[in-house]
Amino acid sequence: MHMQMNLPLACKTLVQFIPKKTLNPKLNTHNPYFLKQPIILSLRQAWRSPFHSQVEVEQEEVVVNDDGEHDDKKDRVEQLLTLDRDDVARFMKMERNSNVNGRRWFPYVDKYRCQGDVYLSSSQVLEAVGPLIMEQRMQRLRSVASNRSYSLCLVVEGLSDLGNVAAAFRSADAVGIQSVHVVSFDSSKRYRHNRHVSMGAEKWLDIELWDSIQQCFNALKSRGYRIVTTHVGMDAVSIYDMDWSCPTAIVVGNENRGISDEALELSDLHCSIPMKGMVDSFNVSVAAGILMHHAVFDRISRLGCHGDLTMEESQILLAEFSLRHSKSAISVAHE
C-alpha cells in the first residue's frame, strides 16, 4: 500500500508502509500501526509521523530501524579500522584538545568548527541540532554522556578477528568507557560482517588508531594513564586486588599470541583474571568485557560513581553525540 501524505515543514513525500500481514508475527503488536521492520524513507526535512517516530533529516536514502539507527551497507567497524588514522580522527566532531599538561585528560575543547574560522560552542550546537532529535532520544544521550568517563580506556593490540574488536567496542560502550585504542590492526584478512556484534557501538566511541605499541603507550602516559596489560605470569596481580580508581589503560592482546613482549615491557603493571577451570585463558573479547566491568564496579565501590565528567565536559560530549547522531545534524549546524 502506498499513501500520499501532507507533511508539515516538508514536501509531499512518498512513504512505503509495510502491510501488517507481511510482518513477522513475532514482531506484531495489538496496534496495527506499530511497525518494527525497517521502513525506507527519503526526505529533505525532518518531520514527525503519526506514529511518533522521528525520521532523521537526510538528503539520501536511509534505512530506519526500530531503534532509530541507520544500517550501513558496509560494515562500519571494518571500515573504521582500515582507514588512515587521520581519517578516523575526523569522525570526532568537536575540536580536539592538544594540550597535555598533567591534568585529568579530556579530549575535547568547547568548539565546533563549521566553516573556515567560524566556530560554535557546545551550547550553540545543542540549540541548533536539538530540535532534530526526539526528546526521548536526547534524554538517552544526556544520560550516557553524564555516565561516561575517560579515567578508564581500552587498548586492543594486534587483534586479527574483527568480531572480537567489535565485541570489545560494544562492551566498552555498555559499561561507560568512552575511549578505545587499536594498535597494529591486521587489515589483510577478510572479515565477516559483524554489525550485529558491535550493535553500532563504534558510532559513539572515541576510537584512536596507532601504528605501534610504543607510540600508543607514549601518548597514554603523557595523558596520565597507568598502563595495565593482561598476562598470565608469576608477576601478574589479580584484578580483584587492584585499585582501579586512578586513570588506567586496560590492554588486551592478540587472540593467539597474547600481549606482545614489547607491550609487557613498556607497561606499568601486569594483571590476570583468576580462573578455576581446566583452561587458562578467556576469549579476548570476553576477557576485555570482564576487565572493564570489574574496573567500573571497583571505581563505583571506591568513588561512588564511574562517570566523572564535569558539567562542562558532559555538555561538550553531549554536543559531540548530537553531531554524530545523523548527517543532518552536521548540515544544520553549518547552516
Foldseek 3Di string as FASTA:
>chain_A
DWDWDDFPPFDTFIWDDDFQVPDDVVPDDPDRRDDQAKTKGATQDWGADPVRDTDAHDRDIFIQGNVRDTDDPDFPLLVLVPDDQVVNQVLFFADFDPDLDPPQDDTHDQWGDQDDPDIDGLVLLCVQLVVRDDPVVLVVLLVLLQAADQLEEEEEEAAAASLLVLLLLQLCSVLRYAEYEYECYDSPDDYDRVCVNNVPSVLLHRYGYYDHPVVVVVVQVSNPEAEEEEDPDPQAAELVPDQLQGRYYYYWYYQPPIDDPVSVVPGDHYHYHDDDDPDRDDGRSVVSSVSSNVSQVNNCVVPVGNRDDDPSSSSSSSSSCSCSSDVVSSVSSSD
